[in-house]
Amino acid sequence: MMKHRRLLLALGFAALLGLSAREARAANLTLEVIYGGSTFSFTGTPNAVSPNLTVLNGNLVGSGYSFASLGGSSSGSASPSANVADSGTLAFIGGTGGPLTVIVTEGGFTAPASGTNNTLMSTQTATYSTGVTTTSSQSDVGNFNDGGAVNTNLPTSPTTLFGTTPAAQNANATTGLPTYAIPFTLTSTTTFNLGSNGSSALPTDQFTSSVTVTAQVVPEPASMILMLTGMPLPLVVMGLLRRRRAAA
């Protein structure tokens, strides 16, 4: 009986370790804004980052750009998919203009582990105001990097304004991923190039972008038992032991 109790304790401990491993968090999420050779960096939690817009916009004076809102988010290590994303509203207030880039990145993802069907998806949306020129554009590249053999860039089609009326546009791209290692890093890079059409309306771009990795993972034996029975693993083992004793 003592032997059985030790076995149950060991199995229970292993199950707890498995749960804690699946709930492990990735590293802290970071966000960078790059303009004219200068980089402005902000660090958040494993799930979110919120730049100080007063500081950021102060650094962008003269560029022609100002953020009404900006933030990044992450799922942290999760299964069967994990992602990083950013969203906000960028205004062109008059000035130099040219390309401005927003990068959100997070490393240390321990889930999802590589499965039999891995995919990487990059998405973006853009809603331009009436004051933006027809040549204004937004483009996005999603990146997956396991620090070794797998380093995949996935650009989406440029989201460019057509016409002078408010327009919501979106683009996405998906590709397969080979077997990869953990931990891995996800990065979404969005580049803007806005200008004014000379109207009295303030030119703005309300945007989102994200990169997502998804894996179809085969459940481990302990997870299969929990899923099929809906019972904690030690209780399942205890029931089997009781049946064995009754049969004896």
Protein backbone atom coordinates (compact mmCIF):
# COMPACT_ATOMS: atom_id res chain seq x y z
CA MET A 1 0.00 0.00 0.00
CA MET A 2 2.86 2.38 0.87
CA LYS A 3 4.38 1.63 -2.52
CA HIS A 4 1.12 2.56 -4.20
CA ARG A 5 0.88 5.80 -2.24
CA ARG A 6 4.36 6.78 -3.32
CA LEU A 7 3.42 6.04 -6.91
CA LEU A 8 0.32 8.23 -6.63
CA LEU A 9 2.32 11.09 -5.12
CA ALA A 10 4.90 10.83 -7.87
CA LEU A 11 2.24 10.85 -10.57
CA GLY A 12 0.45 13.80 -8.97
CA PHE A 13 3.69 15.74 -8.77
CA ALA A 14 4.46 14.98 -12.40
CA ALA A 15 1.00 16.15 -13.44
CA LEU A 16 1.50 19.44 -11.56
CA LEU A 17 4.86 19.93 -13.23
CA GLY A 18 3.24 19.35 -16.61
CA LEU A 19 0.56 21.93 -15.92
CA SER A 20 3.06 24.50 -14.70
CA ALA A 21 5.19 23.94 -17.80
CA ARG A 22 2.23 24.54 -20.07
CA GLU A 23 1.42 27.78 -18.23
CA ALA A 24 4.98 29.14 -18.48
CA ARG A 25 5.20 32.71 -19.68
CA ALA A 26 7.39 34.09 -22.45
CA ALA A 27 9.85 36.94 -21.93
CA ASN A 28 8.75 40.57 -21.69
CA LEU A 29 7.17 42.16 -24.76
CA THR A 30 9.11 45.05 -26.31
CA LEU A 31 8.03 47.77 -28.75
CA GLU A 32 10.29 49.95 -30.87
CA VAL A 33 9.53 52.97 -33.04
CA ILE A 34 12.17 53.75 -35.66
CA TYR A 35 12.36 56.99 -37.61
CA GLY A 36 15.21 58.71 -39.42
CA GLY A 37 17.89 56.48 -37.94
CA SER A 38 16.65 56.92 -34.34
CA THR A 39 15.10 54.10 -32.31
CA PHE A 40 12.77 54.63 -29.34
CA SER A 41 12.30 51.49 -27.23
CA PHE A 42 9.73 50.47 -24.61
CA THR A 43 9.46 47.30 -22.51
CA GLY A 44 6.28 45.90 -20.97
CA THR A 45 5.09 42.67 -19.38
CA PRO A 46 4.90 39.23 -21.04
CA ASN A 47 1.42 40.15 -22.27
CA ALA A 48 1.39 43.89 -23.00
CA VAL A 49 3.46 47.00 -23.62
CA SER A 50 2.17 50.61 -23.49
CA PRO A 51 4.62 53.28 -24.68
CA ASN A 52 4.70 56.70 -23.02
CA LEU A 53 3.11 58.69 -25.86
CA THR A 54 4.16 62.06 -24.42
CA VAL A 55 7.80 61.00 -24.54
CA LEU A 56 7.45 59.24 -27.89
CA ASN A 57 5.66 62.09 -29.66
CA GLY A 58 8.15 64.54 -28.19
CA ASN A 59 10.94 62.55 -29.83
CA LEU A 60 9.04 62.59 -33.15
CA VAL A 61 8.67 66.38 -33.31
CA GLY A 62 9.65 67.52 -36.80
CA SER A 63 9.06 64.11 -38.35
CA GLY A 64 5.49 64.93 -39.29
CA TYR A 65 4.13 62.01 -37.25
CA SER A 66 2.26 61.79 -33.95
CA PHE A 67 0.59 58.78 -32.29
CA ALA A 68 -2.92 59.23 -30.89
CA SER A 69 -2.64 55.69 -29.49
CA LEU A 70 -0.16 52.81 -29.63
CA GLY A 71 0.23 49.51 -27.81
CA GLY A 72 1.44 45.95 -28.14
CA SER A 73 0.01 42.66 -26.89
CA SER A 74 1.04 39.03 -26.66
CA SER A 75 -0.60 35.72 -25.85
CA GLY A 76 2.51 34.63 -23.95
CA SER A 77 3.37 30.93 -24.28
CA ALA A 78 0.09 29.27 -25.24
CA SER A 79 -1.23 26.29 -27.20
CA PRO A 80 -2.15 25.54 -29.89
CA SER A 81 -1.11 29.04 -31.04
CA ALA A 82 0.85 32.06 -29.83
CA ASN A 83 1.06 35.57 -31.19
CA VAL A 84 2.32 39.13 -30.80
CA ALA A 85 0.41 42.13 -32.12
CA ASP A 86 0.28 45.91 -32.12
CA SER A 87 -2.42 48.49 -32.77
CA GLY A 88 -2.89 52.23 -32.69
CA THR A 89 -3.63 55.41 -34.61
CA LEU A 90 -0.85 57.31 -36.40
CA ALA A 91 -1.43 60.88 -37.59
CA PHE A 92 0.50 62.92 -40.14
CA ILE A 93 0.55 66.46 -38.77
CA GLY A 94 2.81 68.03 -41.39
CA GLY A 95 6.58 67.91 -41.61
CA THR A 96 9.30 65.76 -43.10
CA GLY A 97 7.32 62.53 -43.42
CA GLY A 98 8.91 59.45 -44.93
CA PRO A 99 9.00 55.90 -43.55
CA LEU A 100 8.28 55.20 -39.86
CA THR A 101 8.50 51.67 -38.46
CA VAL A 102 6.89 50.00 -35.43
CA ILE A 103 8.34 46.69 -34.21
CA VAL A 104 6.84 44.45 -31.51
CA THR A 105 8.84 41.40 -30.47
CA GLU A 106 8.94 38.78 -27.74
CA GLY A 107 11.24 35.82 -27.13
CA GLY A 108 11.15 32.89 -24.77
CA PHE A 109 8.00 31.25 -26.15
CA THR A 110 7.90 27.66 -24.87
CA ALA A 111 4.54 26.83 -26.47
CA PRO A 112 3.19 25.73 -28.78
CA ALA A 113 5.78 23.02 -29.26
CA SER A 114 6.39 21.95 -32.85
CA GLY A 115 3.70 19.60 -34.10
CA THR A 116 2.80 17.78 -37.28
CA ASN A 117 1.24 20.81 -38.96
CA ASN A 118 2.88 24.15 -38.12
CA THR A 119 1.82 27.44 -39.69
CA LEU A 120 2.91 31.07 -39.51
CA MET A 121 0.42 33.85 -40.28
CA SER A 122 1.03 37.57 -40.67
CA THR A 123 -1.93 40.00 -40.76
CA GLN A 124 -2.52 43.74 -40.93
CA THR A 125 -5.42 46.18 -41.20
CA ALA A 126 -5.44 49.89 -42.03
CA THR A 127 -8.23 52.45 -41.92
CA TYR A 128 -7.18 55.72 -43.53
CA SER A 129 -8.90 59.07 -43.01
CA THR A 130 -9.98 61.41 -45.80
CA GLY A 131 -6.90 63.61 -45.41
CA VAL A 132 -4.35 60.94 -46.44
CA THR A 133 -2.76 61.01 -49.90
CA THR A 134 -3.49 58.18 -52.33
CA THR A 135 0.19 57.23 -52.26
CA SER A 136 0.21 56.60 -48.50
CA SER A 137 0.96 53.02 -47.50
CA GLN A 138 1.37 50.53 -44.67
CA SER A 139 3.23 47.21 -44.92
CA ASP A 140 3.93 44.43 -42.42
CA VAL A 141 6.37 41.53 -42.03
CA GLY A 142 5.91 38.72 -39.50
CA ASN A 143 8.98 36.79 -38.35
CA PHE A 144 9.43 33.44 -36.56
CA ASN A 145 12.89 32.55 -35.20
CA ASP A 146 13.79 29.51 -33.09
CA GLY A 147 17.40 30.65 -32.75
CA GLY A 148 18.59 27.85 -34.98
CA ALA A 149 17.46 26.24 -38.20
CA VAL A 150 14.10 28.00 -38.56
CA ASN A 151 14.03 31.73 -39.29
CA THR A 152 11.04 32.63 -41.46
CA ASN A 153 9.99 36.09 -42.67
CA LEU A 154 6.42 36.42 -43.93
CA PRO A 155 5.52 39.76 -45.54
CA THR A 156 1.89 40.66 -46.18
CA SER A 157 0.82 42.59 -49.24
CA PRO A 158 1.23 46.38 -48.82
CA THR A 159 -1.95 48.06 -47.65
CA THR A 160 -2.19 51.21 -49.80
CA LEU A 161 -4.93 53.84 -49.89
CA PHE A 162 -6.97 54.01 -53.08
CA GLY A 163 -9.13 57.12 -53.46
CA THR A 164 -9.69 59.90 -50.94
CA THR A 165 -12.59 58.53 -48.89
CA PRO A 166 -12.13 56.65 -45.60
CA ALA A 167 -11.13 53.10 -46.46
CA ALA A 168 -10.59 50.02 -44.31
CA GLN A 169 -8.14 47.62 -45.88
CA ASN A 170 -6.57 44.38 -44.73
CA ALA A 171 -4.01 41.86 -45.89
CA ASN A 172 -2.73 38.53 -44.61
CA ALA A 173 -0.35 35.76 -45.56
CA THR A 174 0.16 32.21 -44.28
CA THR A 175 2.98 29.71 -44.74
CA GLY A 176 3.95 26.33 -43.33
CA LEU A 177 6.75 26.00 -40.78
CA PRO A 178 9.17 23.04 -40.61
CA THR A 179 9.86 21.31 -37.31
CA TYR A 180 11.20 23.95 -34.92
CA ALA A 181 12.81 24.16 -31.50
CA ILE A 182 11.67 25.98 -28.37
CA PRO A 183 12.03 28.61 -27.08
CA PHE A 184 11.28 30.79 -30.11
CA THR A 185 10.79 34.50 -30.88
CA LEU A 186 7.94 36.26 -32.70
CA THR A 187 8.34 39.70 -34.29
CA SER A 188 5.90 41.90 -36.20
CA THR A 189 7.38 44.83 -38.17
CA THR A 190 5.00 47.48 -39.58
CA THR A 191 6.22 50.34 -41.79
CA PHE A 192 4.18 53.46 -42.54
CA ASN A 193 4.60 56.17 -45.16
CA LEU A 194 1.85 58.76 -44.80
CA GLY A 195 1.24 62.15 -46.39
CA SER A 196 -1.43 64.86 -46.53
CA ASN A 197 -3.63 65.54 -49.54
CA GLY A 198 -3.95 69.19 -48.52
CA SER A 199 -7.47 68.97 -47.10
CA SER A 200 -8.39 70.43 -43.72
CA ALA A 201 -8.88 66.92 -42.29
CA LEU A 202 -6.04 65.49 -40.18
CA PRO A 203 -4.54 62.52 -42.08
CA THR A 204 -4.61 59.40 -39.89
CA ASP A 205 -4.11 55.66 -40.17
CA GLN A 206 -5.85 53.42 -37.62
CA PHE A 207 -3.94 50.15 -37.80
CA THR A 208 -3.41 46.65 -36.43
CA SER A 209 -0.78 44.03 -37.22
CA SER A 210 0.10 40.62 -35.81
CA VAL A 211 2.12 37.47 -36.30
CA THR A 212 0.81 34.09 -35.13
CA VAL A 213 2.36 30.61 -34.97
CA THR A 214 0.03 27.61 -34.72
CA ALA A 215 1.00 23.96 -34.19
CA GLN A 216 -1.08 20.79 -34.22
CA VAL A 217 0.43 18.96 -31.26
CA VAL A 218 -0.18 15.29 -30.46
CA PRO A 219 -1.30 15.09 -26.77
CA GLU A 220 1.03 13.32 -24.35
CA PRO A 221 -0.31 10.11 -22.68
CA ALA A 222 -1.08 11.84 -19.36
CA SER A 223 -3.01 14.57 -21.17
CA MET A 224 -4.95 11.94 -23.12
CA ILE A 225 -6.02 10.25 -19.87
CA LEU A 226 -7.16 13.58 -18.39
CA MET A 227 -9.00 14.51 -21.57
CA LEU A 228 -10.78 11.17 -21.94
CA THR A 229 -11.76 10.69 -18.31
CA GLY A 230 -12.11 14.26 -17.09
CA MET A 231 -10.47 13.09 -13.83
CA PRO A 232 -7.14 13.99 -12.22
CA LEU A 233 -4.45 11.45 -13.07
CA PRO A 234 -3.91 10.18 -9.46
CA LEU A 235 -7.62 9.35 -9.16
CA VAL A 236 -7.50 7.42 -12.41
CA VAL A 237 -4.52 5.38 -11.16
CA MET A 238 -6.21 4.80 -7.78
CA GLY A 239 -9.27 3.42 -9.55
CA LEU A 240 -7.13 1.04 -11.58
CA LEU A 241 -5.35 -0.19 -8.44
CA ARG A 242 -8.67 -0.83 -6.67
CA ARG A 243 -9.90 -2.87 -9.62
CA ARG A 244 -6.70 -4.92 -9.55
CA ARG A 245 -7.07 -5.65 -5.83
CA ALA A 246 -10.75 -6.59 -6.29
CA ALA A 247 -9.86 -8.99 -9.11
CA ALA A 248 -7.19 -10.60 -6.95
